[in-house]
């Protein structure tokens, strides 16, 4: 027979956990609204910046600028992996880590940069790949200038000529319950291959290299900023969904334990009544 005190203690513990998960859900929902607004505001600017540079790349295929043409086509690949600093967000981190492991299986000589501690902690323990940098506490990035240090250090690494390309893996925000895992090349710029792009030659002032240099520096900065914003919004959506599911599961478990508690209590009361009745009958005899 189950101990009623143990069941009551377990119910109390689960109720406390439910309060915590519900509070975390509300906090994530509040952060999600802010992050979603930031992403929606950043996308048009980032998309147009990306389009402009890719068009310039297509019109200047012979350019030797490092953002348009790899400094060392045979160099290693530098892979940026974007995860969260914390857990309790469903499969947000594990999906990124799982995909990265599969990708590195085919390209084991990639060097890694991590934005977020979860991915770094996992691969640091594996000790199989070279980790160049790790950046954390990026959840409060609200300005494009906040990632300038990351952009500067990334371009310094690339301009040394050791790396032929820079790729990034991250979760793109789709909705509160859905994220798209993205793997794409950000350096050098992939040309825009759409047929609706005019092939008319442009006159550049002062020259094409200067325009590409100025626009290219901003492009990398904006691209990193947008990626971090997308990842932050996706993280909050995943955490809100995970905590909502945890709260629902806690409620269901409490209901089940309440039923068990009431059933066991009823059994004990019935047994006590039978014992009293049996004792009274024995006294009469």
C-alpha atoms as a PDB file:
ATOM      1  CA  UNK A   1       0.000   0.000   0.000  1.00  0.00           C
ATOM      2  CA  UNK A   2       1.377   3.406  -0.956  1.00  0.00           C
ATOM      3  CA  UNK A   3       2.363   5.797   1.798  1.00  0.00           C
ATOM      4  CA  UNK A   4      -0.079   8.724   1.746  1.00  0.00           C
ATOM      5  CA  UNK A   5       2.555  11.090   3.120  1.00  0.00           C
ATOM      6  CA  UNK A   6       4.956  10.232   0.275  1.00  0.00           C
ATOM      7  CA  UNK A   7       2.226  10.848  -2.279  1.00  0.00           C
ATOM      8  CA  UNK A   8       1.379  14.213  -0.705  1.00  0.00           C
ATOM      9  CA  UNK A   9       5.047  15.191  -0.732  1.00  0.00           C
ATOM     10  CA  UNK A  10       5.366  14.211  -4.371  1.00  0.00           C
ATOM     11  CA  UNK A  11       2.272  16.212  -5.294  1.00  0.00           C
ATOM     12  CA  UNK A  12       3.693  19.232  -3.467  1.00  0.00           C
ATOM     13  CA  UNK A  13       7.031  18.891  -5.274  1.00  0.00           C
ATOM     14  CA  UNK A  14       5.379  18.681  -8.680  1.00  0.00           C
ATOM     15  CA  UNK A  15       3.220  21.724  -7.897  1.00  0.00           C
ATOM     16  CA  UNK A  16       6.381  23.689  -7.087  1.00  0.00           C
ATOM     17  CA  UNK A  17       7.960  22.557 -10.353  1.00  0.00           C
ATOM     18  CA  UNK A  18       4.790  23.557 -12.200  1.00  0.00           C
ATOM     19  CA  UNK A  19       5.004  27.067 -10.737  1.00  0.00           C
ATOM     20  CA  UNK A  20       8.623  27.342 -11.900  1.00  0.00           C
ATOM     21  CA  UNK A  21       7.949  26.082 -15.443  1.00  0.00           C
ATOM     22  CA  UNK A  22       4.897  28.326 -15.764  1.00  0.00           C
ATOM     23  CA  UNK A  23       6.954  31.342 -14.641  1.00  0.00           C
ATOM     24  CA  UNK A  24       9.700  30.445 -17.129  1.00  0.00           C
ATOM     25  CA  UNK A  25       7.084  30.170 -19.868  1.00  0.00           C
ATOM     26  CA  UNK A  26       5.782  33.659 -19.098  1.00  0.00           C
ATOM     27  CA  UNK A  27       9.308  35.124 -19.050  1.00  0.00           C
ATOM     28  CA  UNK A  28      10.152  33.440 -22.366  1.00  0.00           C
ATOM     29  CA  UNK A  29       6.901  34.735 -23.881  1.00  0.00           C
ATOM     30  CA  UNK A  30       7.780  38.296 -22.870  1.00  0.00           C
ATOM     31  CA  UNK A  31      11.309  37.947 -24.282  1.00  0.00           C
ATOM     32  CA  UNK A  32       9.931  36.344 -27.436  1.00  0.00           C
ATOM     33  CA  UNK A  33       7.764  39.372 -28.215  1.00  0.00           C
ATOM     34  CA  UNK A  34      10.788  41.649 -27.945  1.00  0.00           C
ATOM     35  CA  UNK A  35      13.050  39.315 -29.937  1.00  0.00           C
ATOM     36  CA  UNK A  36      10.433  38.752 -32.635  1.00  0.00           C
ATOM     37  CA  UNK A  37      10.012  42.492 -33.110  1.00  0.00           C
ATOM     38  CA  UNK A  38      13.785  42.926 -33.412  1.00  0.00           C
ATOM     39  CA  UNK A  39      14.009  40.152 -36.030  1.00  0.00           C
ATOM     40  CA  UNK A  40      11.156  41.523 -38.135  1.00  0.00           C
ATOM     41  CA  UNK A  41      12.741  44.981 -38.078  1.00  0.00           C
ATOM     42  CA  UNK A  42      16.207  43.658 -38.980  1.00  0.00           C
ATOM     43  CA  UNK A  43      15.242  41.347 -41.842  1.00  0.00           C
ATOM     44  CA  UNK A  44      14.443  43.974 -44.541  1.00  0.00           C
ATOM     45  CA  UNK A  45      17.710  45.829 -43.954  1.00  0.00           C
ATOM     46  CA  UNK A  46      19.756  42.626 -43.829  1.00  0.00           C
ATOM     47  CA  UNK A  47      18.040  41.130 -46.898  1.00  0.00           C
ATOM     48  CA  UNK A  48      18.614  44.259 -48.989  1.00  0.00           C
ATOM     49  CA  UNK A  49      22.248  44.504 -47.879  1.00  0.00           C
ATOM     50  CA  UNK A  50      22.745  40.863 -48.848  1.00  0.00           C
ATOM     51  CA  UNK A  51      21.062  41.408 -52.207  1.00  0.00           C
ATOM     52  CA  UNK A  52      23.166  44.462 -53.046  1.00  0.00           C
ATOM     53  CA  UNK A  53      26.478  42.741 -52.328  1.00  0.00           C
ATOM     54  CA  UNK A  54      25.510  39.575 -54.190  1.00  0.00           C
ATOM     55  CA  UNK A  55      24.546  41.653 -57.225  1.00  0.00           C
ATOM     56  CA  UNK A  56      27.892  43.448 -57.018  1.00  0.00           C
ATOM     57  CA  UNK A  57      29.589  40.064 -56.798  1.00  0.00           C
ATOM     58  CA  UNK A  58      27.832  38.901 -59.955  1.00  0.00           C
ATOM     59  CA  UNK A  59      28.753  42.061 -61.852  1.00  0.00           C
ATOM     60  CA  UNK A  60      32.371  41.931 -60.644  1.00  0.00           C
ATOM     61  CA  UNK A  61      33.248  38.267 -60.958  1.00  0.00           C
ATOM     62  CA  UNK A  62      36.890  39.103 -61.615  1.00  0.00           C
ATOM     63  CA  UNK A  63      37.176  41.210 -58.466  1.00  0.00           C
ATOM     64  CA  UNK A  64      39.998  40.218 -56.127  1.00  0.00           C
ATOM     65  CA  UNK A  65      38.274  41.628 -53.066  1.00  0.00           C
ATOM     66  CA  UNK A  66      38.423  38.950 -50.298  1.00  0.00           C
ATOM     67  CA  UNK A  67      34.665  39.126 -49.675  1.00  0.00           C
ATOM     68  CA  UNK A  68      33.883  38.349 -53.326  1.00  0.00           C
ATOM     69  CA  UNK A  69      36.700  35.961 -54.150  1.00  0.00           C
ATOM     70  CA  UNK A  70      38.325  33.585 -51.693  1.00  0.00           C
ATOM     71  CA  UNK A  71      41.837  34.549 -50.647  1.00  0.00           C
ATOM     72  CA  UNK A  72      42.771  30.873 -50.494  1.00  0.00           C
ATOM     73  CA  UNK A  73      40.303  28.637 -52.394  1.00  0.00           C
ATOM     74  CA  UNK A  74      42.086  25.554 -51.059  1.00  0.00           C
ATOM     75  CA  UNK A  75      42.101  26.739 -47.453  1.00  0.00           C
ATOM     76  CA  UNK A  76      40.226  25.186 -44.572  1.00  0.00           C
ATOM     77  CA  UNK A  77      36.603  25.947 -43.805  1.00  0.00           C
ATOM     78  CA  UNK A  78      35.753  28.070 -40.784  1.00  0.00           C
ATOM     79  CA  UNK A  79      32.404  27.063 -39.286  1.00  0.00           C
ATOM     80  CA  UNK A  80      30.382  29.334 -36.979  1.00  0.00           C
ATOM     81  CA  UNK A  81      27.959  27.373 -34.778  1.00  0.00           C
ATOM     82  CA  UNK A  82      25.211  29.348 -33.031  1.00  0.00           C
ATOM     83  CA  UNK A  83      23.560  27.842 -29.952  1.00  0.00           C
ATOM     84  CA  UNK A  84      22.106  29.145 -26.686  1.00  0.00           C
ATOM     85  CA  UNK A  85      23.945  29.819 -23.436  1.00  0.00           C
ATOM     86  CA  UNK A  86      21.320  27.870 -21.464  1.00  0.00           C
ATOM     87  CA  UNK A  87      19.240  24.746 -21.788  1.00  0.00           C
ATOM     88  CA  UNK A  88      15.575  24.002 -21.028  1.00  0.00           C
ATOM     89  CA  UNK A  89      14.573  24.952 -24.590  1.00  0.00           C
ATOM     90  CA  UNK A  90      13.557  21.630 -26.077  1.00  0.00           C
ATOM     91  CA  UNK A  91      15.585  20.425 -29.054  1.00  0.00           C
ATOM     92  CA  UNK A  92      16.922  23.904 -29.889  1.00  0.00           C
ATOM     93  CA  UNK A  93      20.527  23.096 -28.974  1.00  0.00           C
ATOM     94  CA  UNK A  94      20.530  19.370 -29.680  1.00  0.00           C
ATOM     95  CA  UNK A  95      19.337  19.815 -33.281  1.00  0.00           C
ATOM     96  CA  UNK A  96      22.210  22.234 -33.978  1.00  0.00           C
ATOM     97  CA  UNK A  97      24.772  19.963 -32.311  1.00  0.00           C
ATOM     98  CA  UNK A  98      23.473  16.856 -34.108  1.00  0.00           C
ATOM     99  CA  UNK A  99      23.572  18.557 -37.520  1.00  0.00           C
ATOM    100  CA  UNK A 100      27.058  19.962 -36.850  1.00  0.00           C
ATOM    101  CA  UNK A 101      28.367  16.512 -35.912  1.00  0.00           C
ATOM    102  CA  UNK A 102      26.969  15.043 -39.137  1.00  0.00           C
ATOM    103  CA  UNK A 103      28.484  17.864 -41.172  1.00  0.00           C
ATOM    104  CA  UNK A 104      31.898  17.564 -39.502  1.00  0.00           C
ATOM    105  CA  UNK A 105      31.881  13.830 -40.198  1.00  0.00           C
ATOM    106  CA  UNK A 106      32.213  14.676 -43.902  1.00  0.00           C
ATOM    107  CA  UNK A 107      34.494  17.693 -43.292  1.00  0.00           C
ATOM    108  CA  UNK A 108      36.597  16.847 -40.250  1.00  0.00           C
ATOM    109  CA  UNK A 109      39.192  19.570 -40.865  1.00  0.00           C
ATOM    110  CA  UNK A 110      36.882  22.520 -40.188  1.00  0.00           C
ATOM    111  CA  UNK A 111      37.830  24.933 -37.429  1.00  0.00           C
ATOM    112  CA  UNK A 112      35.026  26.123 -35.167  1.00  0.00           C
ATOM    113  CA  UNK A 113      33.769  29.399 -33.722  1.00  0.00           C
ATOM    114  CA  UNK A 114      30.891  29.206 -31.236  1.00  0.00           C
ATOM    115  CA  UNK A 115      28.275  31.829 -30.504  1.00  0.00           C
ATOM    116  CA  UNK A 116      26.710  30.445 -27.330  1.00  0.00           C
ATOM    117  CA  UNK A 117      28.041  28.214 -24.554  1.00  0.00           C
ATOM    118  CA  UNK A 118      25.980  25.053 -25.083  1.00  0.00           C
ATOM    119  CA  UNK A 119      27.610  24.143 -28.367  1.00  0.00           C
ATOM    120  CA  UNK A 120      31.047  25.067 -27.062  1.00  0.00           C
ATOM    121  CA  UNK A 121      30.657  22.965 -23.903  1.00  0.00           C
ATOM    122  CA  UNK A 122      29.676  19.912 -25.937  1.00  0.00           C
ATOM    123  CA  UNK A 123      32.482  20.092 -28.494  1.00  0.00           C
ATOM    124  CA  UNK A 124      35.074  21.076 -25.875  1.00  0.00           C
ATOM    125  CA  UNK A 125      34.384  17.793 -24.077  1.00  0.00           C
ATOM    126  CA  UNK A 126      34.693  15.851 -27.344  1.00  0.00           C
ATOM    127  CA  UNK A 127      38.149  17.392 -27.900  1.00  0.00           C
ATOM    128  CA  UNK A 128      38.125  16.326 -31.571  1.00  0.00           C
ATOM    129  CA  UNK A 129      38.020  19.680 -33.364  1.00  0.00           C
ATOM    130  CA  UNK A 130      39.943  22.917 -33.190  1.00  0.00           C
ATOM    131  CA  UNK A 131      37.942  25.672 -31.474  1.00  0.00           C
ATOM    132  CA  UNK A 132      39.137  29.167 -32.433  1.00  0.00           C
ATOM    133  CA  UNK A 133      36.781  31.428 -30.469  1.00  0.00           C
ATOM    134  CA  UNK A 134      33.722  31.297 -28.243  1.00  0.00           C
ATOM    135  CA  UNK A 135      31.353  34.207 -27.596  1.00  0.00           C
ATOM    136  CA  UNK A 136      28.624  34.117 -24.962  1.00  0.00           C
ATOM    137  CA  UNK A 137      26.016  36.399 -23.362  1.00  0.00           C
ATOM    138  CA  UNK A 138      24.700  37.556 -26.740  1.00  0.00           C
ATOM    139  CA  UNK A 139      21.006  37.484 -25.765  1.00  0.00           C
ATOM    140  CA  UNK A 140      20.842  41.256 -25.275  1.00  0.00           C
ATOM    141  CA  UNK A 141      22.223  42.195 -28.697  1.00  0.00           C
ATOM    142  CA  UNK A 142      19.914  44.979 -29.833  1.00  0.00           C
ATOM    143  CA  UNK A 143      22.206  47.054 -32.045  1.00  0.00           C
ATOM    144  CA  UNK A 144      24.183  46.137 -35.136  1.00  0.00           C
ATOM    145  CA  UNK A 145      27.209  47.774 -33.510  1.00  0.00           C
ATOM    146  CA  UNK A 146      27.114  45.257 -30.649  1.00  0.00           C
ATOM    147  CA  UNK A 147      28.630  42.534 -32.867  1.00  0.00           C
ATOM    148  CA  UNK A 148      31.387  44.698 -34.327  1.00  0.00           C
ATOM    149  CA  UNK A 149      34.060  42.969 -32.217  1.00  0.00           C
ATOM    150  CA  UNK A 150      32.985  39.542 -33.514  1.00  0.00           C
ATOM    151  CA  UNK A 151      33.034  40.826 -37.097  1.00  0.00           C
ATOM    152  CA  UNK A 152      36.486  42.388 -36.678  1.00  0.00           C
ATOM    153  CA  UNK A 153      38.030  39.229 -35.228  1.00  0.00           C
ATOM    154  CA  UNK A 154      36.332  37.068 -37.868  1.00  0.00           C
ATOM    155  CA  UNK A 155      37.685  39.194 -40.734  1.00  0.00           C
ATOM    156  CA  UNK A 156      41.171  39.149 -39.190  1.00  0.00           C
ATOM    157  CA  UNK A 157      41.092  35.352 -39.170  1.00  0.00           C
ATOM    158  CA  UNK A 158      39.794  35.166 -42.745  1.00  0.00           C
ATOM    159  CA  UNK A 159      42.192  37.779 -44.148  1.00  0.00           C
ATOM    160  CA  UNK A 160      45.191  35.801 -42.900  1.00  0.00           C
ATOM    161  CA  UNK A 161      44.516  33.394 -45.780  1.00  0.00           C
ATOM    162  CA  UNK A 162      44.309  30.181 -43.751  1.00  0.00           C
ATOM    163  CA  UNK A 163      40.577  29.789 -44.423  1.00  0.00           C
ATOM    164  CA  UNK A 164      38.972  29.553 -47.828  1.00  0.00           C
ATOM    165  CA  UNK A 165      35.387  30.121 -46.701  1.00  0.00           C
ATOM    166  CA  UNK A 166      33.209  30.859 -43.679  1.00  0.00           C
ATOM    167  CA  UNK A 167      29.952  29.000 -43.083  1.00  0.00           C
ATOM    168  CA  UNK A 168      27.371  29.371 -40.324  1.00  0.00           C
ATOM    169  CA  UNK A 169      24.857  26.980 -38.738  1.00  0.00           C
ATOM    170  CA  UNK A 170      21.976  28.463 -36.754  1.00  0.00           C
ATOM    171  CA  UNK A 171      18.252  28.250 -36.040  1.00  0.00           C
ATOM    172  CA  UNK A 172      16.195  30.769 -38.001  1.00  0.00           C
ATOM    173  CA  UNK A 173      13.036  32.015 -36.312  1.00  0.00           C
ATOM    174  CA  UNK A 174       9.889  30.839 -38.099  1.00  0.00           C
ATOM    175  CA  UNK A 175       7.261  30.963 -35.351  1.00  0.00           C
ATOM    176  CA  UNK A 176       6.937  30.366 -31.632  1.00  0.00           C
ATOM    177  CA  UNK A 177       6.717  26.614 -32.255  1.00  0.00           C
ATOM    178  CA  UNK A 178       8.916  26.240 -35.328  1.00  0.00           C
ATOM    179  CA  UNK A 179      12.535  26.998 -36.214  1.00  0.00           C
ATOM    180  CA  UNK A 180      14.386  26.401 -39.477  1.00  0.00           C
ATOM    181  CA  UNK A 181      17.903  25.004 -39.216  1.00  0.00           C
ATOM    182  CA  UNK A 182      20.064  27.043 -41.619  1.00  0.00           C
ATOM    183  CA  UNK A 183      23.498  26.186 -42.980  1.00  0.00           C
ATOM    184  CA  UNK A 184      24.921  28.749 -45.381  1.00  0.00           C
ATOM    185  CA  UNK A 185      28.073  30.402 -46.597  1.00  0.00           C
ATOM    186  CA  UNK A 186      28.588  34.032 -45.613  1.00  0.00           C
ATOM    187  CA  UNK A 187      32.191  34.590 -46.803  1.00  0.00           C
ATOM    188  CA  UNK A 188      32.973  34.891 -49.653  1.00  0.00           C
ATOM    189  CA  UNK A 189      29.615  36.181 -50.855  1.00  0.00           C
ATOM    190  CA  UNK A 190      27.613  33.792 -53.026  1.00  0.00           C
ATOM    191  CA  UNK A 191      26.596  35.572 -56.278  1.00  0.00           C
ATOM    192  CA  UNK A 192      22.956  36.391 -56.928  1.00  0.00           C
ATOM    193  CA  UNK A 193      21.876  34.092 -59.761  1.00  0.00           C
ATOM    194  CA  UNK A 194      18.324  35.342 -60.304  1.00  0.00           C
ATOM    195  CA  UNK A 195      17.398  35.998 -63.952  1.00  0.00           C
ATOM    196  CA  UNK A 196      15.711  39.300 -63.101  1.00  0.00           C
ATOM    197  CA  UNK A 197      19.034  40.984 -62.250  1.00  0.00           C
ATOM    198  CA  UNK A 198      20.076  43.540 -64.824  1.00  0.00           C
ATOM    199  CA  UNK A 199      23.518  42.996 -66.358  1.00  0.00           C
ATOM    200  CA  UNK A 200      23.962  46.677 -67.148  1.00  0.00           C
ATOM    201  CA  UNK A 201      27.416  47.936 -66.217  1.00  0.00           C
ATOM    202  CA  UNK A 202      27.630  50.543 -63.479  1.00  0.00           C
ATOM    203  CA  UNK A 203      30.017  53.447 -63.025  1.00  0.00           C
ATOM    204  CA  UNK A 204      31.502  53.388 -59.538  1.00  0.00           C
ATOM    205  CA  UNK A 205      32.641  56.471 -57.659  1.00  0.00           C
ATOM    206  CA  UNK A 206      35.409  56.543 -56.543  1.00  0.00           C
ATOM    207  CA  UNK A 207      35.876  52.909 -57.705  1.00  0.00           C
ATOM    208  CA  UNK A 208      34.304  49.456 -57.444  1.00  0.00           C
ATOM    209  CA  UNK A 209      36.834  48.177 -54.891  1.00  0.00           C
ATOM    210  CA  UNK A 210      36.119  51.044 -52.478  1.00  0.00           C
ATOM    211  CA  UNK A 211      32.353  50.552 -52.778  1.00  0.00           C
ATOM    212  CA  UNK A 212      32.657  46.821 -52.190  1.00  0.00           C
ATOM    213  CA  UNK A 213      35.072  47.400 -49.282  1.00  0.00           C
ATOM    214  CA  UNK A 214      32.669  49.781 -47.534  1.00  0.00           C
ATOM    215  CA  UNK A 215      29.563  47.731 -48.253  1.00  0.00           C
ATOM    216  CA  UNK A 216      31.302  44.434 -47.499  1.00  0.00           C
ATOM    217  CA  UNK A 217      32.358  45.472 -44.014  1.00  0.00           C
ATOM    218  CA  UNK A 218      28.805  46.442 -43.188  1.00  0.00           C
ATOM    219  CA  UNK A 219      27.461  43.267 -44.788  1.00  0.00           C
ATOM    220  CA  UNK A 220      29.408  40.946 -42.462  1.00  0.00           C
ATOM    221  CA  UNK A 221      28.423  43.012 -39.442  1.00  0.00           C
ATOM    222  CA  UNK A 222      24.738  43.072 -40.390  1.00  0.00           C
ATOM    223  CA  UNK A 223      24.704  39.370 -41.309  1.00  0.00           C
ATOM    224  CA  UNK A 224      26.120  38.346 -37.922  1.00  0.00           C
ATOM    225  CA  UNK A 225      23.704  40.686 -36.147  1.00  0.00           C
ATOM    226  CA  UNK A 226      20.727  39.253 -37.995  1.00  0.00           C
ATOM    227  CA  UNK A 227      21.843  35.656 -37.327  1.00  0.00           C
ATOM    228  CA  UNK A 228      22.137  36.326 -33.579  1.00  0.00           C
ATOM    229  CA  UNK A 229      18.709  37.992 -33.508  1.00  0.00           C
ATOM    230  CA  UNK A 230      17.165  35.053 -35.394  1.00  0.00           C
ATOM    231  CA  UNK A 231      18.768  32.566 -33.011  1.00  0.00           C
ATOM    232  CA  UNK A 232      17.662  34.513 -29.924  1.00  0.00           C
ATOM    233  CA  UNK A 233      14.055  34.684 -31.108  1.00  0.00           C
ATOM    234  CA  UNK A 234      14.062  30.992 -32.029  1.00  0.00           C
ATOM    235  CA  UNK A 235      15.525  30.137 -28.617  1.00  0.00           C
ATOM    236  CA  UNK A 236      12.813  32.039 -26.727  1.00  0.00           C
ATOM    237  CA  UNK A 237      10.107  30.432 -28.849  1.00  0.00           C
ATOM    238  CA  UNK A 238      11.564  26.969 -28.204  1.00  0.00           C
ATOM    239  CA  UNK A 239      11.869  27.666 -24.478  1.00  0.00           C
ATOM    240  CA  UNK A 240       8.313  28.980 -24.229  1.00  0.00           C
ATOM    241  CA  UNK A 241       7.002  25.874 -25.998  1.00  0.00           C
ATOM    242  CA  UNK A 242       9.118  23.521 -23.862  1.00  0.00           C
ATOM    243  CA  UNK A 243       8.014  25.150 -20.607  1.00  0.00           C
ATOM    244  CA  UNK A 244       4.383  25.130 -21.732  1.00  0.00           C
ATOM    245  CA  UNK A 245       4.647  21.392 -22.403  1.00  0.00           C
ATOM    246  CA  UNK A 246       6.361  20.872 -19.042  1.00  0.00           C
ATOM    247  CA  UNK A 247       3.583  22.780 -17.259  1.00  0.00           C
ATOM    248  CA  UNK A 248       0.909  20.729 -19.010  1.00  0.00           C
ATOM    249  CA  UNK A 249       2.695  17.483 -18.131  1.00  0.00           C
ATOM    250  CA  UNK A 250       2.957  18.585 -14.490  1.00  0.00           C
ATOM    251  CA  UNK A 251      -0.783  19.287 -14.379  1.00  0.00           C
ATOM    252  CA  UNK A 252      -1.541  15.840 -15.802  1.00  0.00           C
ATOM    253  CA  UNK A 253       0.806  14.165 -13.324  1.00  0.00           C
ATOM    254  CA  UNK A 254      -0.778  16.040 -10.407  1.00  0.00           C
ATOM    255  CA  UNK A 255      -4.223  14.852 -11.524  1.00  0.00           C
ATOM    256  CA  UNK A 256      -2.976  11.249 -11.692  1.00  0.00           C
ATOM    257  CA  UNK A 257      -1.386  11.464  -8.247  1.00  0.00           C
ATOM    258  CA  UNK A 258      -4.527  13.063  -6.798  1.00  0.00           C
ATOM    259  CA  UNK A 259      -6.509  10.102  -8.105  1.00  0.00           C
ATOM    260  CA  UNK A 260      -4.014   7.635  -6.621  1.00  0.00           C
ATOM    261  CA  UNK A 261      -4.006   9.524  -3.315  1.00  0.00           C
ATOM    262  CA  UNK A 262      -7.812   9.543  -3.073  1.00  0.00           C
ATOM    263  CA  UNK A 263      -7.999   5.868  -3.999  1.00  0.00           C
ATOM    264  CA  UNK A 264      -5.414   4.871  -1.379  1.00  0.00           C
ATOM    265  CA  UNK A 265      -7.073   7.075   1.234  1.00  0.00           C
ATOM    266  CA  UNK A 266     -10.443   5.500   0.478  1.00  0.00           C
ATOM    267  CA  UNK A 267      -8.864   2.041   0.782  1.00  0.00           C
ATOM    268  CA  UNK A 268      -7.384   2.891   4.186  1.00  0.00           C
ATOM    269  CA  UNK A 269     -10.689   4.345   5.444  1.00  0.00           C
ATOM    270  CA  UNK A 270     -12.553   1.247   4.267  1.00  0.00           C
ATOM    271  CA  UNK A 271     -10.012  -1.021   5.983  1.00  0.00           C
ATOM    272  CA  UNK A 272     -10.340   0.939   9.240  1.00  0.00           C
ATOM    273  CA  UNK A 273     -14.144   0.724   9.124  1.00  0.00           C
ATOM    274  CA  UNK A 274     -13.959  -3.040   8.571  1.00  0.00           C
ATOM    275  CA  UNK A 275     -11.550  -3.422  11.490  1.00  0.00           C
ATOM    276  CA  UNK A 276     -13.820  -1.382  13.795  1.00  0.00           C
ATOM    277  CA  UNK A 277     -16.913  -3.341  12.731  1.00  0.00           C
ATOM    278  CA  UNK A 278     -15.068  -6.646  13.185  1.00  0.00           C
ATOM    279  CA  UNK A 279     -13.918  -5.603  16.656  1.00  0.00           C
ATOM    280  CA  UNK A 280     -17.403  -4.545  17.689  1.00  0.00           C
ATOM    281  CA  UNK A 281     -18.843  -7.844  16.442  1.00  0.00           C
ATOM    282  CA  UNK A 282     -16.203  -9.772  18.385  1.00  0.00           C
ATOM    283  CA  UNK A 283     -17.090  -7.921  21.628  1.00  0.00           C
ATOM    284  CA  UNK A 284     -20.750  -8.841  21.216  1.00  0.00           C
ATOM    285  CA  UNK A 285     -19.851 -12.489  20.922  1.00  0.00           C
END
